[in-house]
Amino acid sequence: MHPSIIVIKLWGSLAGWQFALLNGEDPVIQVLVVEDEPLLLMMALDLVEDIGFEVFEATNADDALRLLEAEPGIRIIWTDIDIPGSMNGLVCAKAVRKRYPPIEILVVSAMTKPLLHQMPERGIFFTKPYNRKALAQTLIGLAA
């Protein structure tokens, strides 16, 4: 009789360390898209799903932060800068970086190009309209 091998992968979250018992498969990558324009939101959701990731959506920063609290497995946030609510996407991204340091951040905008010091640490910026292939490759890289 051969012993079974169980792989345990660890990753951080606000709630503490999460453990995933895996049988040779990686956990599903979860992405939160924050976009208030319905057509752009739909396109973003499709892109994330097309590369095999699970996607959550929010149309403002307040809902995004509530969702991050409720779904500790989210590993990437994709946010537009110009979103309604109590804070814009850059302020939201910086709040995410402070509260959830392991989460990767992708910031997009057609109107505003942030200066380097305005971006959250390790944040990546894409201008709209974005190159779908480059964005998909970036998301895959962030998940690695």
C-alpha atoms as a PDB file:
ATOM      1  CA  MET A   1       0.000   0.000   0.000  1.00  0.00           C
ATOM      2  CA  HIS A   2       1.331   3.428  -0.998  1.00  0.00           C
ATOM      3  CA  PRO A   3       0.664   6.484   1.160  1.00  0.00           C
ATOM      4  CA  SER A   4      -1.478   9.231  -0.343  1.00  0.00           C
ATOM      5  CA  ILE A   5       0.091  12.584  -0.959  1.00  0.00           C
ATOM      6  CA  ILE A   6      -1.922  15.672  -0.090  1.00  0.00           C
ATOM      7  CA  VAL A   7      -0.690  19.055  -1.261  1.00  0.00           C
ATOM      8  CA  ILE A   8      -1.529  22.034   0.930  1.00  0.00           C
ATOM      9  CA  LYS A   9      -1.207  25.509  -0.549  1.00  0.00           C
ATOM     10  CA  LEU A  10      -1.416  28.621   1.606  1.00  0.00           C
ATOM     11  CA  TRP A  11      -2.329  32.178   0.747  1.00  0.00           C
ATOM     12  CA  GLY A  12      -3.186  35.143   2.948  1.00  0.00           C
ATOM     13  CA  SER A  13      -6.375  37.053   3.516  1.00  0.00           C
ATOM     14  CA  LEU A  14      -7.732  39.490   6.073  1.00  0.00           C
ATOM     15  CA  ALA A  15      -9.473  36.609   7.870  1.00  0.00           C
ATOM     16  CA  GLY A  16      -6.130  34.842   8.335  1.00  0.00           C
ATOM     17  CA  TRP A  17      -4.542  32.004   6.409  1.00  0.00           C
ATOM     18  CA  GLN A  18      -6.759  29.919   4.211  1.00  0.00           C
ATOM     19  CA  PHE A  19      -5.901  26.319   3.563  1.00  0.00           C
ATOM     20  CA  ALA A  20      -6.723  24.576   0.342  1.00  0.00           C
ATOM     21  CA  LEU A  21      -6.448  20.820   0.248  1.00  0.00           C
ATOM     22  CA  LEU A  22      -5.736  20.049  -3.324  1.00  0.00           C
ATOM     23  CA  ASN A  23      -5.626  16.855  -5.303  1.00  0.00           C
ATOM     24  CA  GLY A  24      -3.199  18.071  -7.929  1.00  0.00           C
ATOM     25  CA  GLU A  25      -5.353  21.039  -9.029  1.00  0.00           C
ATOM     26  CA  ASP A  26      -4.886  24.709  -8.286  1.00  0.00           C
ATOM     27  CA  PRO A  27      -7.700  26.616  -6.606  1.00  0.00           C
ATOM     28  CA  VAL A  28      -9.995  28.637  -8.845  1.00  0.00           C
ATOM     29  CA  ILE A  29      -8.642  32.161  -9.314  1.00  0.00           C
ATOM     30  CA  GLN A  30     -11.237  34.714  -8.221  1.00  0.00           C
ATOM     31  CA  VAL A  31     -11.291  38.203  -9.725  1.00  0.00           C
ATOM     32  CA  LEU A  32     -13.392  41.200  -8.692  1.00  0.00           C
ATOM     33  CA  VAL A  33     -14.244  43.640 -11.500  1.00  0.00           C
ATOM     34  CA  VAL A  34     -15.340  47.145 -10.425  1.00  0.00           C
ATOM     35  CA  GLU A  35     -16.910  48.970 -13.360  1.00  0.00           C
ATOM     36  CA  ASP A  36     -20.028  51.176 -13.538  1.00  0.00           C
ATOM     37  CA  GLU A  37     -20.524  51.192 -17.335  1.00  0.00           C
ATOM     38  CA  PRO A  38     -22.759  48.170 -18.143  1.00  0.00           C
ATOM     39  CA  LEU A  39     -21.235  47.363 -21.543  1.00  0.00           C
ATOM     40  CA  LEU A  40     -17.657  47.646 -20.269  1.00  0.00           C
ATOM     41  CA  LEU A  41     -18.567  45.587 -17.223  1.00  0.00           C
ATOM     42  CA  MET A  42     -20.032  42.860 -19.431  1.00  0.00           C
ATOM     43  CA  MET A  43     -16.903  42.842 -21.614  1.00  0.00           C
ATOM     44  CA  ALA A  44     -14.643  42.614 -18.554  1.00  0.00           C
ATOM     45  CA  LEU A  45     -16.679  39.785 -17.029  1.00  0.00           C
ATOM     46  CA  ASP A  46     -16.515  37.865 -20.323  1.00  0.00           C
ATOM     47  CA  LEU A  47     -12.743  38.312 -20.562  1.00  0.00           C
ATOM     48  CA  VAL A  48     -12.168  37.053 -17.021  1.00  0.00           C
ATOM     49  CA  GLU A  49     -14.451  34.055 -17.553  1.00  0.00           C
ATOM     50  CA  ASP A  50     -12.864  33.292 -20.949  1.00  0.00           C
ATOM     51  CA  ILE A  51      -9.469  32.773 -19.309  1.00  0.00           C
ATOM     52  CA  GLY A  52     -11.024  30.406 -16.788  1.00  0.00           C
ATOM     53  CA  PHE A  53     -11.236  32.578 -13.697  1.00  0.00           C
ATOM     54  CA  GLU A  54     -14.251  33.012 -11.431  1.00  0.00           C
ATOM     55  CA  VAL A  55     -15.515  36.584 -11.531  1.00  0.00           C
ATOM     56  CA  PHE A  56     -17.382  38.841  -9.124  1.00  0.00           C
ATOM     57  CA  GLU A  57     -18.718  42.276 -10.003  1.00  0.00           C
ATOM     58  CA  ALA A  58     -19.317  45.596  -8.285  1.00  0.00           C
ATOM     59  CA  THR A  59     -20.338  48.957  -9.731  1.00  0.00           C
ATOM     60  CA  ASN A  60     -18.797  51.141  -7.005  1.00  0.00           C
ATOM     61  CA  ALA A  61     -15.996  51.071  -4.443  1.00  0.00           C
ATOM     62  CA  ASP A  62     -18.249  50.601  -1.413  1.00  0.00           C
ATOM     63  CA  ASP A  63     -19.794  47.446  -2.883  1.00  0.00           C
ATOM     64  CA  ALA A  64     -16.336  46.238  -3.909  1.00  0.00           C
ATOM     65  CA  LEU A  65     -14.974  46.540  -0.362  1.00  0.00           C
ATOM     66  CA  ARG A  66     -18.034  44.738   1.044  1.00  0.00           C
ATOM     67  CA  LEU A  67     -17.557  41.953  -1.487  1.00  0.00           C
ATOM     68  CA  LEU A  68     -13.874  41.582  -0.587  1.00  0.00           C
ATOM     69  CA  GLU A  69     -14.903  41.193   3.043  1.00  0.00           C
ATOM     70  CA  ALA A  70     -17.490  38.528   2.155  1.00  0.00           C
ATOM     71  CA  GLU A  71     -15.309  36.645  -0.384  1.00  0.00           C
ATOM     72  CA  PRO A  72     -11.819  36.197   1.099  1.00  0.00           C
ATOM     73  CA  GLY A  73     -10.672  34.064  -1.853  1.00  0.00           C
ATOM     74  CA  ILE A  74     -10.563  37.016  -4.292  1.00  0.00           C
ATOM     75  CA  ARG A  75      -6.978  37.335  -5.519  1.00  0.00           C
ATOM     76  CA  ILE A  76      -7.224  40.110  -8.125  1.00  0.00           C
ATOM     77  CA  ILE A  77      -9.217  43.341  -8.284  1.00  0.00           C
ATOM     78  CA  TRP A  78      -9.749  45.089 -11.629  1.00  0.00           C
ATOM     79  CA  THR A  79     -11.102  48.605 -11.096  1.00  0.00           C
ATOM     80  CA  ASP A  80     -11.968  51.548 -13.268  1.00  0.00           C
ATOM     81  CA  ILE A  81     -10.778  54.881 -11.858  1.00  0.00           C
ATOM     82  CA  ASP A  82     -13.970  56.812 -12.565  1.00  0.00           C
ATOM     83  CA  ILE A  83     -16.599  54.978 -10.515  1.00  0.00           C
ATOM     84  CA  PRO A  84     -19.449  56.390  -8.417  1.00  0.00           C
ATOM     85  CA  GLY A  85     -19.655  56.261  -4.658  1.00  0.00           C
ATOM     86  CA  SER A  86     -17.701  57.505  -1.693  1.00  0.00           C
ATOM     87  CA  MET A  87     -14.316  56.975  -3.389  1.00  0.00           C
ATOM     88  CA  ASN A  88     -12.908  56.640  -6.886  1.00  0.00           C
ATOM     89  CA  GLY A  89     -11.102  53.562  -8.165  1.00  0.00           C
ATOM     90  CA  LEU A  90      -7.629  54.785  -7.203  1.00  0.00           C
ATOM     91  CA  VAL A  91      -8.671  55.456  -3.612  1.00  0.00           C
ATOM     92  CA  CYS A  92     -10.410  52.065  -3.577  1.00  0.00           C
ATOM     93  CA  ALA A  93      -7.270  50.373  -4.954  1.00  0.00           C
ATOM     94  CA  LYS A  94      -5.116  51.960  -2.249  1.00  0.00           C
ATOM     95  CA  ALA A  95      -7.619  50.860   0.422  1.00  0.00           C
ATOM     96  CA  VAL A  96      -7.479  47.324  -0.976  1.00  0.00           C
ATOM     97  CA  ARG A  97      -3.667  47.370  -0.917  1.00  0.00           C
ATOM     98  CA  LYS A  98      -3.709  48.494   2.742  1.00  0.00           C
ATOM     99  CA  ARG A  99      -6.407  46.037   3.935  1.00  0.00           C
ATOM    100  CA  TYR A 100      -5.583  43.062   1.705  1.00  0.00           C
ATOM    101  CA  PRO A 101      -1.867  43.239   0.809  1.00  0.00           C
ATOM    102  CA  PRO A 102      -1.741  39.932  -1.141  1.00  0.00           C
ATOM    103  CA  ILE A 103      -4.455  40.982  -3.614  1.00  0.00           C
ATOM    104  CA  GLU A 104      -3.138  42.004  -7.025  1.00  0.00           C
ATOM    105  CA  ILE A 105      -4.538  45.238  -8.473  1.00  0.00           C
ATOM    106  CA  LEU A 106      -5.328  46.222 -12.048  1.00  0.00           C
ATOM    107  CA  VAL A 107      -6.480  49.817 -12.638  1.00  0.00           C
ATOM    108  CA  VAL A 108      -8.110  50.940 -15.912  1.00  0.00           C
ATOM    109  CA  SER A 109      -9.337  54.264 -17.286  1.00  0.00           C
ATOM    110  CA  ALA A 110     -10.141  56.041 -20.527  1.00  0.00           C
ATOM    111  CA  MET A 111     -10.133  59.497 -18.965  1.00  0.00           C
ATOM    112  CA  THR A 112      -7.374  59.564 -16.375  1.00  0.00           C
ATOM    113  CA  LYS A 113      -3.802  58.321 -16.530  1.00  0.00           C
ATOM    114  CA  PRO A 114      -2.538  58.188 -12.961  1.00  0.00           C
ATOM    115  CA  LEU A 115       0.952  59.294 -12.044  1.00  0.00           C
ATOM    116  CA  LEU A 116       3.221  56.630 -10.600  1.00  0.00           C
ATOM    117  CA  HIS A 117       2.845  57.929  -7.030  1.00  0.00           C
ATOM    118  CA  GLN A 118      -0.972  57.769  -7.364  1.00  0.00           C
ATOM    119  CA  MET A 119      -0.954  54.046  -8.104  1.00  0.00           C
ATOM    120  CA  PRO A 120      -1.060  51.451  -5.334  1.00  0.00           C
ATOM    121  CA  GLU A 121       2.130  49.490  -4.801  1.00  0.00           C
ATOM    122  CA  ARG A 122       2.391  46.644  -7.364  1.00  0.00           C
ATOM    123  CA  GLY A 123      -0.615  48.083  -9.210  1.00  0.00           C
ATOM    124  CA  ILE A 124      -0.793  47.793 -13.005  1.00  0.00           C
ATOM    125  CA  PHE A 125      -2.494  50.379 -15.225  1.00  0.00           C
ATOM    126  CA  PHE A 126      -4.247  49.843 -18.583  1.00  0.00           C
ATOM    127  CA  THR A 127      -5.803  52.567 -20.717  1.00  0.00           C
ATOM    128  CA  LYS A 128      -9.209  52.042 -22.317  1.00  0.00           C
ATOM    129  CA  PRO A 129      -9.836  50.785 -24.855  1.00  0.00           C
ATOM    130  CA  TYR A 130      -7.500  47.992 -23.848  1.00  0.00           C
ATOM    131  CA  ASN A 131      -5.878  45.257 -25.844  1.00  0.00           C
ATOM    132  CA  ARG A 132      -7.849  42.146 -24.860  1.00  0.00           C
ATOM    133  CA  LYS A 133      -4.917  39.769 -25.381  1.00  0.00           C
ATOM    134  CA  ALA A 134      -2.474  41.911 -23.363  1.00  0.00           C
ATOM    135  CA  LEU A 135      -5.021  42.301 -20.573  1.00  0.00           C
ATOM    136  CA  ALA A 136      -5.683  38.535 -20.474  1.00  0.00           C
ATOM    137  CA  GLN A 137      -1.928  37.848 -20.333  1.00  0.00           C
ATOM    138  CA  THR A 138      -1.571  40.370 -17.503  1.00  0.00           C
ATOM    139  CA  LEU A 139      -4.385  38.754 -15.501  1.00  0.00           C
ATOM    140  CA  ILE A 140      -2.820  35.319 -15.963  1.00  0.00           C
ATOM    141  CA  GLY A 141       0.524  36.733 -14.831  1.00  0.00           C
ATOM    142  CA  LEU A 142      -1.038  38.326 -11.750  1.00  0.00           C
ATOM    143  CA  ALA A 143      -2.595  34.999 -10.822  1.00  0.00           C
ATOM    144  CA  ALA A 144       0.699  33.101 -11.067  1.00  0.00           C
END
